Amino acid sequence: MLVLSNIFNGLQVINGGFLLNLIQFLTMITLFLGRLPDYGPDDKERTSQALFIFYGLLVYHLFFAIIRYAG
């Protein structure tokens, strides 16, 4: 049980605190939302992968900000 506790505590340090995740979330929305990558009509798969990563990171930072605020 001690090993699992140490792993969880290390994960909390790596993920950062509430304020850090909130700032990263707001920065991504304000600076990058209007300038999402577009690789043209010939490479729709690459564009969809880039959008998936961007929105995934948005959800990640919002989720961890909520978790850190609640915890």
N, C-alpha and C. Protein backbone atom coordinates (compact mmCIF):
# COMPACT_ATOMS: atom_id res chain seq x y z
N MET A 1 0.82 -1.20 0.00
CA MET A 1 0.00 0.00 0.00
C MET A 1 0.87 1.26 0.00
N LEU A 2 2.03 1.17 0.63
CA LEU A 2 2.93 2.32 0.68
C LEU A 2 3.45 2.68 -0.71
N VAL A 3 3.74 1.66 -1.53
CA VAL A 3 4.24 1.91 -2.88
C VAL A 3 3.18 2.63 -3.70
N LEU A 4 1.93 2.18 -3.61
CA LEU A 4 0.84 2.81 -4.34
C LEU A 4 0.65 4.25 -3.89
N SER A 5 0.79 4.50 -2.60
CA SER A 5 0.66 5.85 -2.07
C SER A 5 1.77 6.75 -2.61
N ASN A 6 2.99 6.24 -2.67
CA ASN A 6 4.11 7.04 -3.18
C ASN A 6 3.94 7.33 -4.68
N ILE A 7 3.44 6.37 -5.43
CA ILE A 7 3.20 6.59 -6.85
C ILE A 7 2.14 7.66 -7.04
N PHE A 8 1.07 7.61 -6.27
CA PHE A 8 0.01 8.61 -6.38
C PHE A 8 0.50 9.99 -5.99
N ASN A 9 1.30 10.08 -4.93
CA ASN A 9 1.85 11.38 -4.52
C ASN A 9 2.79 11.94 -5.58
N GLY A 10 3.59 11.08 -6.20
CA GLY A 10 4.46 11.52 -7.28
C GLY A 10 3.68 12.01 -8.48
N LEU A 11 2.57 11.34 -8.78
CA LEU A 11 1.72 11.75 -9.89
C LEU A 11 1.12 13.12 -9.63
N GLN A 12 0.74 13.40 -8.40
CA GLN A 12 0.18 14.70 -8.06
C GLN A 12 1.21 15.81 -8.24
N VAL A 13 2.47 15.53 -7.93
CA VAL A 13 3.53 16.53 -8.09
C VAL A 13 3.76 16.81 -9.57
N ILE A 14 3.80 15.76 -10.38
CA ILE A 14 4.05 15.92 -11.81
C ILE A 14 2.90 16.67 -12.49
N ASN A 15 1.67 16.39 -12.11
CA ASN A 15 0.51 17.01 -12.75
C ASN A 15 0.34 18.47 -12.37
N GLY A 16 0.95 18.91 -11.32
CA GLY A 16 0.85 20.32 -10.93
C GLY A 16 -0.39 20.59 -10.10
N GLY A 17 -0.50 21.81 -9.67
CA GLY A 17 -1.61 22.20 -8.82
C GLY A 17 -2.79 22.76 -9.59
N PHE A 18 -3.77 23.20 -8.84
CA PHE A 18 -5.00 23.74 -9.41
C PHE A 18 -4.71 24.95 -10.28
N LEU A 19 -3.97 25.89 -9.72
CA LEU A 19 -3.72 27.14 -10.44
C LEU A 19 -2.91 26.92 -11.72
N LEU A 20 -1.93 26.04 -11.66
CA LEU A 20 -1.12 25.75 -12.84
C LEU A 20 -1.96 25.17 -13.96
N ASN A 21 -2.80 24.18 -13.66
CA ASN A 21 -3.65 23.57 -14.68
C ASN A 21 -4.69 24.55 -15.21
N LEU A 22 -5.23 25.37 -14.33
CA LEU A 22 -6.21 26.37 -14.78
C LEU A 22 -5.56 27.39 -15.72
N ILE A 23 -4.36 27.83 -15.39
CA ILE A 23 -3.65 28.78 -16.25
C ILE A 23 -3.34 28.15 -17.60
N GLN A 24 -2.91 26.89 -17.60
CA GLN A 24 -2.61 26.22 -18.87
C GLN A 24 -3.88 26.06 -19.71
N PHE A 25 -4.99 25.73 -19.08
CA PHE A 25 -6.26 25.59 -19.78
C PHE A 25 -6.68 26.93 -20.40
N LEU A 26 -6.63 27.99 -19.62
CA LEU A 26 -7.03 29.30 -20.13
C LEU A 26 -6.08 29.81 -21.21
N THR A 27 -4.80 29.53 -21.08
CA THR A 27 -3.84 29.93 -22.10
C THR A 27 -4.12 29.22 -23.41
N MET A 28 -4.40 27.94 -23.34
CA MET A 28 -4.69 27.20 -24.57
C MET A 28 -5.94 27.73 -25.25
N ILE A 29 -6.94 28.07 -24.46
CA ILE A 29 -8.18 28.59 -25.06
C ILE A 29 -7.95 29.97 -25.67
N THR A 30 -7.29 30.86 -24.95
CA THR A 30 -7.16 32.23 -25.43
C THR A 30 -6.14 32.39 -26.57
N LEU A 31 -5.05 31.65 -26.52
CA LEU A 31 -4.00 31.85 -27.52
C LEU A 31 -4.09 30.90 -28.72
N PHE A 32 -4.58 29.70 -28.52
CA PHE A 32 -4.50 28.71 -29.58
C PHE A 32 -5.82 28.36 -30.25
N LEU A 33 -6.94 28.68 -29.63
CA LEU A 33 -8.22 28.23 -30.16
C LEU A 33 -8.51 28.81 -31.54
N GLY A 34 -8.12 30.03 -31.79
CA GLY A 34 -8.34 30.63 -33.09
C GLY A 34 -7.32 30.23 -34.14
N ARG A 35 -6.22 29.61 -33.70
CA ARG A 35 -5.15 29.26 -34.63
C ARG A 35 -4.82 27.78 -34.56
N LEU A 36 -5.83 26.95 -34.67
CA LEU A 36 -5.59 25.51 -34.64
C LEU A 36 -4.91 25.08 -35.93
N PRO A 37 -4.11 24.03 -35.87
CA PRO A 37 -3.37 23.62 -37.07
C PRO A 37 -4.30 23.15 -38.18
N ASP A 38 -3.96 23.55 -39.40
CA ASP A 38 -4.69 23.10 -40.57
C ASP A 38 -3.66 22.73 -41.63
N TYR A 39 -3.62 21.48 -41.99
CA TYR A 39 -2.62 20.99 -42.93
C TYR A 39 -3.17 20.90 -44.36
N GLY A 40 -4.26 21.58 -44.60
CA GLY A 40 -4.81 21.64 -45.95
C GLY A 40 -5.75 20.48 -46.24
N PRO A 41 -6.41 20.55 -47.38
CA PRO A 41 -7.39 19.52 -47.73
C PRO A 41 -6.75 18.18 -48.09
N ASP A 42 -5.46 18.19 -48.41
CA ASP A 42 -4.80 16.95 -48.80
C ASP A 42 -4.45 16.06 -47.61
N ASP A 43 -4.34 16.65 -46.43
CA ASP A 43 -3.91 15.88 -45.25
C ASP A 43 -4.93 16.02 -44.12
N LYS A 44 -6.13 15.54 -44.35
CA LYS A 44 -7.20 15.64 -43.36
C LYS A 44 -6.92 14.77 -42.13
N GLU A 45 -6.23 13.65 -42.33
CA GLU A 45 -5.93 12.77 -41.20
C GLU A 45 -4.98 13.45 -40.21
N ARG A 46 -3.98 14.13 -40.71
CA ARG A 46 -3.05 14.84 -39.84
C ARG A 46 -3.74 15.99 -39.11
N THR A 47 -4.63 16.70 -39.79
CA THR A 47 -5.39 17.77 -39.15
C THR A 47 -6.28 17.23 -38.05
N SER A 48 -6.95 16.12 -38.30
CA SER A 48 -7.84 15.55 -37.27
C SER A 48 -7.04 15.03 -36.08
N GLN A 49 -5.84 14.49 -36.31
CA GLN A 49 -5.00 14.04 -35.20
C GLN A 49 -4.53 15.23 -34.36
N ALA A 50 -4.17 16.33 -35.02
CA ALA A 50 -3.74 17.52 -34.29
C ALA A 50 -4.88 18.10 -33.45
N LEU A 51 -6.08 18.13 -34.01
CA LEU A 51 -7.24 18.62 -33.26
C LEU A 51 -7.56 17.70 -32.09
N PHE A 52 -7.43 16.40 -32.29
CA PHE A 52 -7.68 15.43 -31.22
C PHE A 52 -6.70 15.66 -30.06
N ILE A 53 -5.43 15.88 -30.37
CA ILE A 53 -4.43 16.13 -29.33
C ILE A 53 -4.73 17.45 -28.61
N PHE A 54 -5.09 18.49 -29.35
CA PHE A 54 -5.38 19.79 -28.75
C PHE A 54 -6.57 19.69 -27.78
N TYR A 55 -7.68 19.12 -28.25
CA TYR A 55 -8.85 19.02 -27.38
C TYR A 55 -8.62 18.04 -26.24
N GLY A 56 -7.81 17.03 -26.47
CA GLY A 56 -7.45 16.11 -25.39
C GLY A 56 -6.68 16.82 -24.29
N LEU A 57 -5.75 17.68 -24.67
CA LEU A 57 -5.00 18.45 -23.68
C LEU A 57 -5.90 19.45 -22.95
N LEU A 58 -6.85 20.03 -23.66
CA LEU A 58 -7.80 20.93 -22.99
C LEU A 58 -8.57 20.19 -21.90
N VAL A 59 -9.09 19.03 -22.25
CA VAL A 59 -9.86 18.23 -21.29
C VAL A 59 -8.96 17.79 -20.13
N TYR A 60 -7.73 17.39 -20.45
CA TYR A 60 -6.78 16.96 -19.42
C TYR A 60 -6.54 18.06 -18.40
N HIS A 61 -6.24 19.28 -18.86
CA HIS A 61 -5.94 20.36 -17.93
C HIS A 61 -7.17 20.79 -17.15
N LEU A 62 -8.32 20.81 -17.77
CA LEU A 62 -9.54 21.15 -17.04
C LEU A 62 -9.86 20.08 -16.01
N PHE A 63 -9.74 18.81 -16.38
CA PHE A 63 -10.01 17.71 -15.47
C PHE A 63 -9.09 17.76 -14.25
N PHE A 64 -7.78 17.93 -14.48
CA PHE A 64 -6.86 17.96 -13.34
C PHE A 64 -7.02 19.22 -12.52
N ALA A 65 -7.43 20.33 -13.10
CA ALA A 65 -7.71 21.52 -12.30
C ALA A 65 -8.89 21.27 -11.37
N ILE A 66 -9.91 20.61 -11.87
CA ILE A 66 -11.09 20.29 -11.04
C ILE A 66 -10.71 19.30 -9.94
N ILE A 67 -9.93 18.28 -10.30
CA ILE A 67 -9.51 17.28 -9.30
C ILE A 67 -8.68 17.92 -8.20
N ARG A 68 -7.75 18.78 -8.59
CA ARG A 68 -6.89 19.41 -7.59
C ARG A 68 -7.68 20.41 -6.72
N TYR A 69 -8.67 21.07 -7.30
CA TYR A 69 -9.49 21.99 -6.52
C TYR A 69 -10.36 21.23 -5.52
N ALA A 70 -10.92 20.12 -5.96
CA ALA A 70 -11.79 19.32 -5.09
C ALA A 70 -11.00 18.57 -4.01
N GLY A 71 -9.75 18.25 -4.31
CA GLY A 71 -8.96 17.44 -3.38
C GLY A 71 -8.15 18.27 -2.51
